[in-house]
């Protein structure tokens, strides 16, 4: 019986390049929204893609 391997999503380490103040603000925002950082980034990126790439408002 062989082992089943699942493909893991690659990790992007954006926060390694931002200031401590920005990381603190991000933590406050996600806590206020009750979502994860991943969910926050997914929402922001989707919104920006919709507005700037697909030209939808």
N, C-alpha and C. Protein backbone atom coordinates (compact mmCIF):
# COMPACT_ATOMS: atom_id res chain seq x y z
N UNK A 1 0.85 -1.17 0.00
CA UNK A 1 0.00 0.00 0.00
C UNK A 1 0.89 1.23 0.00
N UNK A 2 0.75 2.09 -1.01
CA UNK A 2 1.59 3.27 -1.14
C UNK A 2 1.07 4.45 -0.35
N UNK A 3 1.96 5.33 -0.01
CA UNK A 3 1.58 6.55 0.71
C UNK A 3 0.98 7.55 -0.27
N UNK A 4 -0.05 8.22 0.17
CA UNK A 4 -0.68 9.23 -0.66
C UNK A 4 -0.07 10.59 -0.30
N UNK A 5 0.42 11.27 -1.29
CA UNK A 5 1.01 12.58 -1.06
C UNK A 5 0.04 13.65 -1.50
N UNK A 6 -0.12 14.64 -0.68
CA UNK A 6 -0.94 15.78 -1.06
C UNK A 6 -0.02 16.94 -1.37
N UNK A 7 -0.41 17.71 -2.35
CA UNK A 7 0.40 18.86 -2.70
C UNK A 7 0.07 20.01 -1.76
N UNK A 8 1.07 20.52 -1.13
CA UNK A 8 0.88 21.66 -0.23
C UNK A 8 1.01 22.95 -1.03
N UNK A 9 0.20 23.92 -0.66
CA UNK A 9 0.32 25.22 -1.31
C UNK A 9 1.62 25.86 -0.86
N UNK A 10 2.32 26.50 -1.77
CA UNK A 10 3.55 27.19 -1.37
C UNK A 10 3.21 28.35 -0.45
N UNK A 11 4.08 28.62 0.50
CA UNK A 11 3.87 29.71 1.43
C UNK A 11 4.52 30.97 0.89
N UNK A 12 3.81 32.07 1.02
CA UNK A 12 4.36 33.37 0.63
C UNK A 12 4.60 34.13 1.92
N UNK A 13 5.79 34.59 2.11
CA UNK A 13 6.18 35.25 3.35
C UNK A 13 6.19 36.76 3.19
N UNK A 14 5.04 37.33 2.91
CA UNK A 14 4.91 38.77 2.71
C UNK A 14 5.28 39.54 3.97
N UNK A 15 4.84 39.06 5.10
CA UNK A 15 5.01 39.81 6.34
C UNK A 15 6.46 39.93 6.78
N UNK A 16 7.36 39.16 6.21
CA UNK A 16 8.77 39.27 6.56
C UNK A 16 9.34 40.62 6.13
N UNK A 17 8.70 41.28 5.17
CA UNK A 17 9.21 42.53 4.62
C UNK A 17 8.46 43.77 5.10
N UNK A 18 7.52 43.63 6.01
CA UNK A 18 6.76 44.81 6.46
C UNK A 18 7.19 45.19 7.88
N UNK A 19 6.87 46.44 8.24
CA UNK A 19 7.24 46.93 9.56
C UNK A 19 6.42 46.25 10.65
N UNK A 20 6.91 46.33 11.85
CA UNK A 20 6.21 45.78 13.00
C UNK A 20 4.85 46.47 13.15
N UNK A 21 4.81 47.76 12.90
CA UNK A 21 3.56 48.51 13.01
C UNK A 21 2.51 47.99 12.04
N UNK A 22 2.93 47.67 10.82
CA UNK A 22 2.01 47.13 9.82
C UNK A 22 1.51 45.76 10.23
N UNK A 23 2.38 44.93 10.76
CA UNK A 23 1.97 43.60 11.23
C UNK A 23 0.97 43.72 12.37
N UNK A 24 1.21 44.68 13.27
CA UNK A 24 0.29 44.89 14.38
C UNK A 24 -1.08 45.34 13.88
N UNK A 25 -1.08 46.24 12.89
CA UNK A 25 -2.34 46.72 12.31
C UNK A 25 -3.09 45.58 11.63
N UNK A 26 -2.37 44.73 10.92
CA UNK A 26 -2.99 43.58 10.28
C UNK A 26 -3.65 42.69 11.32
N UNK A 27 -2.96 42.44 12.40
CA UNK A 27 -3.51 41.60 13.46
C UNK A 27 -4.79 42.22 14.02
N UNK A 28 -4.80 43.53 14.22
CA UNK A 28 -5.99 44.22 14.73
C UNK A 28 -7.15 44.11 13.74
N UNK A 29 -6.84 44.26 12.44
CA UNK A 29 -7.89 44.20 11.42
C UNK A 29 -8.52 42.81 11.36
N UNK A 30 -7.69 41.77 11.31
CA UNK A 30 -8.26 40.43 11.20
C UNK A 30 -9.03 40.04 12.46
N UNK A 31 -8.57 40.52 13.61
CA UNK A 31 -9.32 40.25 14.84
C UNK A 31 -10.66 40.96 14.81
N UNK A 32 -10.67 42.22 14.35
CA UNK A 32 -11.93 42.97 14.28
C UNK A 32 -12.91 42.33 13.30
N UNK A 33 -12.39 41.78 12.20
CA UNK A 33 -13.24 41.15 11.19
C UNK A 33 -13.59 39.71 11.55
N UNK A 34 -12.84 39.12 12.46
CA UNK A 34 -13.09 37.74 12.84
C UNK A 34 -12.71 36.75 11.75
N UNK A 35 -11.64 37.07 11.00
CA UNK A 35 -11.17 36.20 9.92
C UNK A 35 -9.69 35.93 10.09
N UNK A 36 -9.17 35.01 9.30
CA UNK A 36 -7.74 34.71 9.33
C UNK A 36 -6.99 35.66 8.41
N UNK A 37 -5.68 35.70 8.58
CA UNK A 37 -4.85 36.53 7.69
C UNK A 37 -4.98 36.04 6.26
N UNK A 38 -5.04 34.73 6.08
CA UNK A 38 -5.19 34.18 4.73
C UNK A 38 -6.50 34.65 4.10
N UNK A 39 -7.58 34.59 4.87
CA UNK A 39 -8.87 35.05 4.36
C UNK A 39 -8.81 36.54 4.01
N UNK A 40 -8.14 37.32 4.86
CA UNK A 40 -8.01 38.75 4.59
C UNK A 40 -7.27 38.99 3.28
N UNK A 41 -6.11 38.33 3.11
CA UNK A 41 -5.35 38.51 1.88
C UNK A 41 -6.13 38.02 0.67
N UNK A 42 -6.84 36.91 0.79
CA UNK A 42 -7.66 36.42 -0.32
C UNK A 42 -8.69 37.48 -0.73
N UNK A 43 -9.35 38.10 0.26
CA UNK A 43 -10.36 39.12 -0.03
C UNK A 43 -9.74 40.36 -0.69
N UNK A 44 -8.63 40.82 -0.15
CA UNK A 44 -7.99 42.02 -0.68
C UNK A 44 -7.48 41.77 -2.10
N UNK A 45 -6.84 40.64 -2.32
CA UNK A 45 -6.31 40.34 -3.65
C UNK A 45 -7.44 40.15 -4.65
N UNK A 46 -8.50 39.47 -4.26
CA UNK A 46 -9.63 39.29 -5.17
C UNK A 46 -10.25 40.64 -5.53
N UNK A 47 -10.43 41.51 -4.54
CA UNK A 47 -10.99 42.83 -4.79
C UNK A 47 -10.11 43.67 -5.71
N UNK A 48 -8.82 43.63 -5.49
CA UNK A 48 -7.89 44.38 -6.34
C UNK A 48 -7.84 43.81 -7.75
N UNK A 49 -7.88 42.49 -7.86
CA UNK A 49 -7.87 41.86 -9.18
C UNK A 49 -9.13 42.24 -9.95
N UNK A 50 -10.25 42.21 -9.26
CA UNK A 50 -11.52 42.57 -9.87
C UNK A 50 -11.49 44.02 -10.37
N UNK A 51 -10.97 44.91 -9.56
CA UNK A 51 -10.96 46.34 -9.90
C UNK A 51 -9.90 46.68 -10.96
N UNK A 52 -8.69 46.19 -10.79
CA UNK A 52 -7.57 46.65 -11.62
C UNK A 52 -7.29 45.76 -12.83
N UNK A 53 -7.65 44.50 -12.78
CA UNK A 53 -7.34 43.60 -13.89
C UNK A 53 -8.58 43.37 -14.75
N UNK A 54 -9.70 43.07 -14.09
CA UNK A 54 -10.93 42.79 -14.84
C UNK A 54 -11.75 44.06 -15.08
N UNK A 55 -11.31 45.19 -14.50
CA UNK A 55 -11.99 46.48 -14.65
C UNK A 55 -13.46 46.43 -14.25
N UNK A 56 -13.73 45.72 -13.16
CA UNK A 56 -15.08 45.66 -12.61
C UNK A 56 -15.11 46.53 -11.36
N UNK A 57 -16.20 47.23 -11.16
CA UNK A 57 -16.30 48.06 -9.95
C UNK A 57 -17.24 47.51 -8.98
